[in-house]
Amino acid sequence: MKKLCGVNPPVITIFDGNNKIDIEASKRQADFLISQGVDGLAYLGTSGEFSIMTVEEKKYFIRQMIEHVNGRVNVIVGVGDTCLENTMELLKYVEGAGADGVLLVNPYFSVYSSEMVEAYFGYVASNTSLPIIIYNFPDLTGYCFDTDVVCKLVKANPNIVGIKDTIADFNHVLDMQKAKEVNPDFSVFAAYENQAMGLLVCGVDGFINATANFAPEFTVNTYRAAKRGDYNEAAVWFRQMVRAMDIYKYSTPLFLSCKQAMYYRVLNQDGHERLPALALDAEAKANVYNKMRELRLL
């Protein structure tokens, strides 16, 4: 089974003025990210606003992007939903479309017991041949995977091959390495840029971090330098990763300011947002623009 690792930006979804997914702009974004050396593209995660899209929209979008990427890098697709039937429908579709793996969040809004979460993941994993990355985001789902649950899932399901641990607790991300005792090829992905250096020293396998949408070279160069043992160079790029996090403070949710930064750098024009999201106001846009200039990305 293909090992999923490295830098896989959680790609934002671009909407047009008619409230539809802008496929052509999305292709430009994909080409930009690939040109900067990313290992894969992770679609339909939190930054991809999966929760405000229909299953049919997701299918169309992913089919278009897999065809456009055409094997240049891995394509990982978020298939999570509050409805199991929707999850399975999208999962089967992206499997047929040629996705390299999926990102699976636990059902959210209602907080289920660990026994229920294990049963859910076991069912999904037993009905696909695709590699599955657990998406742990307790701030949004209300449930936090611990190492015991992860190790049980990995032991029972060989195609559960990684976790994206979106949590500010450095030690929690580090503890996920214990799953390697069950499967040595298990991959741990970090989400927060300010954890990168310490986690790379400790053997983290990759990053799915939102600033990689507009500053992919910061994460790519940090990761590559650390992997070849050049921690002095990695530290230089790591500091840039941390500086790029300032973008997060200019919007709620934070991915909206990341979208604005990408509009400036890749599209050279403003994009459009879909409710409940609204476009940033003039002050926030100016803050994003000035930070991008400060980072020498514009």
Protein backbone atom coordinates (compact mmCIF):
# COMPACT_ATOMS: atom_id res chain seq x y z
CA MET A 1 0.00 0.00 0.00
CA LYS A 2 1.31 3.44 -0.94
CA LYS A 3 2.83 5.36 1.97
CA LEU A 4 1.35 8.82 2.29
CA CYS A 5 3.75 11.35 3.77
CA GLY A 6 5.43 14.69 3.17
CA VAL A 7 3.77 18.05 2.55
CA ASN A 8 0.11 17.85 1.55
CA PRO A 9 -1.59 21.27 1.72
CA PRO A 10 -5.25 21.21 2.83
CA VAL A 11 -6.32 22.86 -0.41
CA ILE A 12 -8.87 25.65 -0.19
CA THR A 13 -11.97 25.54 -2.37
CA ILE A 14 -12.37 28.52 -4.69
CA PHE A 15 -15.88 29.74 -5.53
CA ASP A 16 -16.89 31.97 -8.42
CA GLY A 17 -19.33 34.87 -8.56
CA ASN A 18 -22.21 32.45 -9.23
CA ASN A 19 -21.56 30.56 -5.99
CA LYS A 20 -20.17 27.58 -7.90
CA ILE A 21 -16.80 25.86 -7.52
CA ASP A 22 -14.32 27.59 -9.79
CA ILE A 23 -12.61 24.68 -11.51
CA GLU A 24 -10.25 26.73 -13.67
CA ALA A 25 -8.99 28.74 -10.69
CA SER A 26 -8.63 25.49 -8.74
CA LYS A 27 -6.46 24.08 -11.51
CA ARG A 28 -4.23 27.15 -11.31
CA GLN A 29 -3.93 26.65 -7.56
CA ALA A 30 -3.03 22.97 -8.04
CA ASP A 31 -0.38 23.81 -10.62
CA PHE A 32 1.13 26.44 -8.34
CA LEU A 33 1.33 24.04 -5.39
CA ILE A 34 2.82 21.26 -7.49
CA SER A 35 5.41 23.66 -8.92
CA GLN A 36 6.54 24.41 -5.35
CA GLY A 37 7.34 20.76 -4.64
CA VAL A 38 4.45 19.51 -2.51
CA ASP A 39 4.04 15.75 -2.17
CA GLY A 40 0.28 15.74 -2.43
CA LEU A 41 -2.91 17.77 -2.39
CA ALA A 42 -5.47 17.20 0.35
CA TYR A 43 -8.91 18.26 -0.86
CA LEU A 44 -12.17 18.67 1.06
CA GLY A 45 -10.72 19.18 4.49
CA THR A 46 -11.63 21.99 6.87
CA SER A 47 -9.83 24.58 4.73
CA GLY A 48 -11.63 23.10 1.73
CA GLU A 49 -15.01 23.90 3.34
CA PHE A 50 -16.31 20.37 2.80
CA SER A 51 -19.18 20.88 5.21
CA ILE A 52 -20.92 23.46 2.97
CA MET A 53 -20.80 21.40 -0.21
CA THR A 54 -23.18 18.78 -1.55
CA VAL A 55 -22.03 15.25 -2.32
CA GLU A 56 -22.60 15.84 -6.03
CA GLU A 57 -20.48 19.01 -5.96
CA LYS A 58 -17.70 17.13 -4.24
CA LYS A 59 -17.80 14.35 -6.81
CA TYR A 60 -17.59 16.76 -9.73
CA PHE A 61 -14.82 18.77 -8.11
CA ILE A 62 -12.68 15.77 -7.23
CA ARG A 63 -13.08 14.13 -10.63
CA GLN A 64 -11.91 17.35 -12.29
CA MET A 65 -8.93 17.76 -9.97
CA ILE A 66 -7.75 14.15 -10.13
CA GLU A 67 -7.82 14.32 -13.91
CA HIS A 68 -5.94 17.62 -13.89
CA VAL A 69 -3.29 16.51 -11.39
CA ASN A 70 -2.84 13.40 -13.54
CA GLY A 71 -0.56 11.57 -11.13
CA ARG A 72 1.94 14.40 -10.68
CA VAL A 73 1.42 14.22 -6.90
CA ASN A 74 -0.86 12.28 -4.58
CA VAL A 75 -4.48 13.35 -4.22
CA ILE A 76 -6.01 12.80 -0.79
CA VAL A 77 -9.73 13.45 -0.40
CA GLY A 78 -11.72 14.27 2.72
CA VAL A 79 -14.82 12.06 2.72
CA GLY A 80 -16.15 12.77 6.21
CA ASP A 81 -19.78 13.65 6.80
CA THR A 82 -22.29 13.48 9.62
CA CYS A 83 -24.20 10.93 7.51
CA LEU A 84 -22.54 7.55 6.96
CA GLU A 85 -24.38 7.02 3.67
CA ASN A 86 -22.93 10.27 2.29
CA THR A 87 -19.45 9.25 3.45
CA MET A 88 -19.69 5.88 1.74
CA GLU A 89 -21.12 7.34 -1.46
CA LEU A 90 -18.27 9.82 -1.79
CA LEU A 91 -15.69 7.25 -0.72
CA LYS A 92 -16.73 4.79 -3.40
CA TYR A 93 -16.74 7.55 -5.98
CA VAL A 94 -13.25 8.87 -5.24
CA GLU A 95 -11.91 5.32 -5.12
CA GLY A 96 -13.16 4.82 -8.66
CA ALA A 97 -11.89 8.23 -9.73
CA GLY A 98 -8.32 7.38 -8.76
CA ALA A 99 -7.73 9.08 -5.40
CA ASP A 100 -4.56 7.97 -3.61
CA GLY A 101 -6.08 8.07 -0.15
CA VAL A 102 -8.79 9.60 2.00
CA LEU A 103 -8.96 11.79 5.06
CA LEU A 104 -11.72 10.62 7.41
CA VAL A 105 -13.08 12.75 10.23
CA ASN A 106 -15.23 11.19 12.93
CA PRO A 107 -18.94 12.13 12.83
CA TYR A 108 -19.23 15.53 14.45
CA PHE A 109 -21.86 17.71 16.16
CA SER A 110 -22.95 14.78 18.37
CA VAL A 111 -19.99 13.51 20.39
CA TYR A 112 -19.87 9.72 20.30
CA SER A 113 -18.09 7.30 22.63
CA SER A 114 -14.77 5.73 21.68
CA GLU A 115 -16.52 2.41 21.12
CA MET A 116 -18.82 4.06 18.59
CA VAL A 117 -15.98 5.90 16.86
CA GLU A 118 -14.04 2.64 16.56
CA ALA A 119 -17.07 0.90 15.07
CA TYR A 120 -17.57 3.72 12.58
CA PHE A 121 -13.96 3.72 11.39
CA GLY A 122 -13.91 -0.06 11.27
CA TYR A 123 -16.97 -0.13 9.04
CA VAL A 124 -15.61 2.47 6.64
CA ALA A 125 -12.16 0.87 6.49
CA SER A 126 -13.60 -2.58 5.78
CA ASN A 127 -15.48 -1.21 2.79
CA THR A 128 -12.62 0.37 0.87
CA SER A 129 -9.16 -0.57 -0.33
CA LEU A 130 -7.95 3.03 -0.15
CA PRO A 131 -5.47 4.17 2.52
CA ILE A 132 -7.26 6.09 5.28
CA ILE A 133 -5.82 8.96 7.30
CA ILE A 134 -7.67 9.64 10.55
CA TYR A 135 -8.55 13.33 10.87
CA ASN A 136 -8.39 14.31 14.54
CA PHE A 137 -9.68 17.84 15.14
CA PRO A 138 -11.17 17.90 18.65
CA ASP A 139 -11.73 21.67 18.71
CA LEU A 140 -14.33 21.23 15.97
CA THR A 141 -15.63 17.68 16.51
CA GLY A 142 -15.69 17.51 20.31
CA TYR A 143 -13.91 14.14 20.30
CA CYS A 144 -10.16 13.58 20.67
CA PHE A 145 -8.48 10.38 19.53
CA ASP A 146 -6.06 9.00 22.09
CA THR A 147 -3.23 6.62 21.31
CA ASP A 148 -5.10 3.56 22.58
CA VAL A 149 -7.98 4.14 20.16
CA VAL A 150 -5.62 4.86 17.26
CA CYS A 151 -3.54 1.76 17.94
CA LYS A 152 -6.67 -0.40 18.12
CA LEU A 153 -7.89 0.97 14.81
CA VAL A 154 -4.51 0.47 13.12
CA LYS A 155 -4.21 -3.08 14.43
CA ALA A 156 -7.70 -4.04 13.26
CA ASN A 157 -7.61 -2.18 9.93
CA PRO A 158 -4.42 -2.40 7.84
CA ASN A 159 -5.60 0.37 5.52
CA ILE A 160 -5.77 2.94 8.34
CA VAL A 161 -2.30 4.25 7.62
CA GLY A 162 -2.00 7.67 9.25
CA ILE A 163 -3.42 10.48 11.31
CA LYS A 164 -3.63 14.22 10.87
CA ASP A 165 -3.48 15.41 14.46
CA THR A 166 -4.88 18.94 14.50
CA ILE A 167 -4.21 19.76 18.11
CA ALA A 168 -2.04 22.37 19.79
CA ASP A 169 -0.66 19.88 22.33
CA PHE A 170 2.79 18.97 21.00
CA ASN A 171 3.00 15.86 23.17
CA HIS A 172 -0.31 14.57 21.84
CA VAL A 173 1.02 14.67 18.28
CA LEU A 174 4.26 13.07 19.41
CA ASP A 175 2.40 10.26 21.21
CA MET A 176 0.73 9.30 17.93
CA GLN A 177 4.09 7.85 16.92
CA LYS A 178 3.19 4.87 19.14
CA ALA A 179 1.02 3.62 16.30
CA LYS A 180 4.27 2.82 14.47
CA GLU A 181 4.71 -0.04 16.96
CA VAL A 182 1.64 -1.59 15.33
CA ASN A 183 2.44 -0.54 11.75
CA PRO A 184 5.98 0.79 11.13
CA ASP A 185 4.70 2.57 8.00
CA PHE A 186 2.04 4.54 9.90
CA SER A 187 2.30 8.28 9.12
CA VAL A 188 1.77 11.11 11.59
CA PHE A 189 0.87 14.46 10.04
CA ALA A 190 1.02 17.74 11.96
CA ALA A 191 -1.23 20.72 11.28
CA TYR A 192 0.32 23.57 13.25
CA GLU A 193 3.40 25.23 11.82
CA ASN A 194 4.94 26.14 15.17
CA GLN A 195 5.24 22.43 16.03
CA ALA A 196 7.16 21.56 12.87
CA MET A 197 10.79 21.69 13.96
CA GLY A 198 10.43 19.68 17.14
CA LEU A 199 8.23 17.10 15.48
CA LEU A 200 10.60 16.66 12.54
CA VAL A 201 13.43 15.97 14.96
CA CYS A 202 11.17 13.34 16.56
CA GLY A 203 10.28 11.69 13.26
CA VAL A 204 6.95 13.17 12.15
CA ASP A 205 6.06 12.04 8.64
CA GLY A 206 4.51 15.14 7.13
CA PHE A 207 2.34 18.24 7.28
CA ILE A 208 -1.19 19.14 6.29
CA ASN A 209 -1.01 22.81 7.26
CA ALA A 210 -3.10 25.69 5.97
CA THR A 211 -0.28 28.17 5.32
CA ALA A 212 0.99 25.75 2.67
CA ASN A 213 -1.85 27.06 0.49
CA PHE A 214 -0.08 30.39 -0.01
CA ALA A 215 3.50 29.71 1.18
CA PRO A 216 4.12 26.05 0.29
CA GLU A 217 7.86 26.54 -0.11
CA PHE A 218 8.22 27.35 3.59
CA THR A 219 6.90 23.94 4.63
CA VAL A 220 8.43 22.03 1.72
CA ASN A 221 11.91 23.41 2.39
CA THR A 222 11.64 22.85 6.14
CA TYR A 223 10.58 19.26 5.59
CA ARG A 224 13.17 18.47 2.93
CA ALA A 225 16.06 20.04 4.82
CA ALA A 226 15.20 18.14 8.00
CA LYS A 227 14.83 14.86 6.13
CA ARG A 228 18.34 15.18 4.72
CA GLY A 229 19.68 16.08 8.18
CA ASP A 230 20.36 19.77 7.55
CA TYR A 231 18.65 21.18 10.62
CA ASN A 232 20.35 24.56 10.29
CA GLU A 233 18.64 25.18 6.97
CA ALA A 234 15.43 23.61 8.27
CA ALA A 235 15.44 26.11 11.13
CA VAL A 236 15.65 29.04 8.72
CA TRP A 237 12.57 27.88 6.83
CA PHE A 238 10.81 26.87 10.03
CA ARG A 239 10.99 30.46 11.26
CA GLN A 240 9.23 31.48 8.04
CA MET A 241 6.52 28.89 8.67
CA VAL A 242 5.90 30.38 12.10
CA ARG A 243 5.84 33.95 10.75
CA ALA A 244 3.28 32.88 8.13
CA MET A 245 0.94 31.82 10.95
CA ASP A 246 0.27 35.52 11.60
CA ILE A 247 -2.14 35.33 8.65
CA TYR A 248 -4.44 33.18 10.78
CA LYS A 249 -5.34 36.02 13.13
CA TYR A 250 -6.95 38.14 10.42
CA SER A 251 -10.10 36.04 10.04
CA THR A 252 -12.52 33.68 11.73
CA PRO A 253 -12.41 30.95 10.60
CA LEU A 254 -8.71 31.22 9.90
CA PHE A 255 -8.84 29.62 6.47
CA LEU A 256 -10.55 32.73 5.06
CA SER A 257 -7.40 34.79 5.48
CA CYS A 258 -5.42 31.94 3.92
CA LYS A 259 -7.77 32.10 0.96
CA GLN A 260 -7.21 35.83 0.67
CA ALA A 261 -3.45 35.33 0.73
CA MET A 262 -3.78 32.76 -2.05
CA TYR A 263 -5.98 35.13 -4.08
CA TYR A 264 -3.20 37.73 -3.91
CA ARG A 265 -0.37 35.36 -4.77
CA VAL A 266 -1.88 32.91 -7.26
CA LEU A 267 -5.05 34.40 -8.76
CA ASN A 268 -4.01 38.07 -8.63
CA GLN A 269 -7.65 38.95 -7.94
CA ASP A 270 -10.23 38.63 -5.21
CA GLY A 271 -12.24 35.46 -4.93
CA HIS A 272 -15.79 34.90 -3.73
CA GLU A 273 -17.07 33.28 -0.55
CA ARG A 274 -20.06 31.05 0.06
CA LEU A 275 -22.31 31.59 3.05
CA PRO A 276 -21.96 31.38 5.95
CA ALA A 277 -18.52 32.75 5.04
CA LEU A 278 -18.20 36.38 4.01
CA ALA A 279 -15.39 38.16 2.21
CA LEU A 280 -12.86 39.85 4.46
CA ASP A 281 -13.36 43.52 5.10
CA ALA A 282 -10.92 46.12 3.76
CA GLU A 283 -8.85 46.25 6.94
CA ALA A 284 -8.39 42.47 7.09
CA LYS A 285 -7.48 42.33 3.40
CA ALA A 286 -4.90 45.05 3.95
CA ASN A 287 -3.44 43.14 6.88
CA VAL A 288 -3.14 40.00 4.77
CA TYR A 289 -1.59 41.91 1.89
CA ASN A 290 0.95 43.64 4.13
CA LYS A 291 1.92 40.37 5.79
CA MET A 292 2.41 38.74 2.39
CA ARG A 293 4.70 41.63 1.42
CA GLU A 294 6.57 41.28 4.70
CA LEU A 295 7.06 37.56 3.97
CA ARG A 296 8.30 38.50 0.47
CA LEU A 297 5.61 36.42 -1.16
CA LEU A 298 4.32 39.34 -3.23
